[in-house]
Amino acid sequence: MKTGLQPGRRTHVHLVASKDSPLGRRKSVVNLAVDPAGLRVFEAPNGVLLTRSVPPSNIVKTDAVH
């Protein structure tokens, strides 16, 4: 929450349009609601949404899922 979402070793942060999306599923997940205002978001051919980073001000809700 201090730095927002950063791409780590990748070039972009990977997002999906809804929490019900089958893309990018992991065993332990934290669902984040992201306000896309001011972000440049692109859709990859596989349906994943890509952006360079997500600042903390664009993270509007977190929900831990186990």
Protein backbone atom coordinates (compact mmCIF):
# COMPACT_ATOMS: atom_id res chain seq x y z
CA MET A 1 0.00 0.00 0.00
CA LYS A 2 2.99 2.34 0.43
CA THR A 3 4.31 2.01 -3.11
CA GLY A 4 1.27 0.75 -5.00
CA LEU A 5 1.76 -2.04 -7.54
CA GLN A 6 5.11 -2.27 -9.31
CA PRO A 7 5.97 -4.71 -12.13
CA GLY A 8 8.88 -6.36 -10.32
CA ARG A 9 10.88 -8.33 -12.89
CA ARG A 10 8.29 -7.71 -15.59
CA THR A 11 7.75 -4.59 -17.67
CA HIS A 12 4.09 -4.16 -16.71
CA VAL A 13 1.70 -4.85 -13.85
CA HIS A 14 -0.76 -7.55 -14.90
CA LEU A 15 -4.45 -7.00 -14.07
CA VAL A 16 -7.74 -8.67 -14.92
CA ALA A 17 -11.11 -7.01 -15.49
CA SER A 18 -12.97 -8.88 -12.72
CA LYS A 19 -12.23 -11.10 -9.74
CA ASP A 20 -14.10 -13.93 -11.48
CA SER A 21 -11.63 -13.98 -14.37
CA PRO A 22 -9.87 -17.33 -14.91
CA LEU A 23 -6.70 -15.49 -15.98
CA GLY A 24 -3.76 -15.34 -13.58
CA ARG A 25 -5.27 -17.52 -10.84
CA ARG A 26 -3.02 -18.34 -7.90
CA LYS A 27 -3.60 -20.44 -4.78
CA SER A 28 -3.28 -17.49 -2.39
CA VAL A 29 -4.57 -14.23 -3.76
CA VAL A 30 -5.27 -10.70 -2.61
CA ASN A 31 -7.96 -9.11 -4.74
CA LEU A 32 -7.46 -5.41 -5.32
CA ALA A 33 -9.98 -3.04 -6.83
CA VAL A 34 -8.09 -0.55 -8.99
CA ASP A 35 -9.49 2.75 -10.20
CA PRO A 36 -8.10 3.07 -13.75
CA ALA A 37 -8.46 6.89 -13.82
CA GLY A 38 -5.22 8.38 -15.08
CA LEU A 39 -3.64 4.99 -15.87
CA ARG A 40 -2.63 3.93 -19.37
CA VAL A 41 -4.08 0.42 -19.56
CA PHE A 42 -3.60 -1.89 -22.53
CA GLU A 43 -5.22 -5.26 -23.23
CA ALA A 44 -2.84 -8.06 -24.23
CA PRO A 45 -3.97 -10.62 -26.84
CA ASN A 46 -4.64 -13.13 -24.02
CA GLY A 47 -7.04 -10.71 -22.27
CA VAL A 48 -4.71 -9.61 -19.46
CA LEU A 49 -4.77 -5.87 -18.76
CA LEU A 50 -1.36 -4.23 -18.57
CA THR A 51 -0.14 -0.98 -17.06
CA ARG A 52 3.35 0.23 -16.06
CA SER A 53 2.43 0.67 -12.37
CA VAL A 54 -0.52 1.41 -10.10
CA PRO A 55 0.02 4.19 -7.55
CA PRO A 56 -1.46 3.72 -4.05
CA SER A 57 -4.10 6.37 -4.76
CA ASN A 58 -5.58 4.12 -7.50
CA ILE A 59 -6.02 1.13 -5.17
CA VAL A 60 -9.53 1.52 -3.80
CA LYS A 61 -10.22 -1.80 -2.05
CA THR A 62 -8.37 -4.90 -0.90
CA ASP A 63 -9.86 -8.30 -0.15
CA ALA A 64 -7.74 -11.26 0.96
CA VAL A 65 -8.77 -14.60 -0.51
CA HIS A 66 -7.32 -17.90 0.71
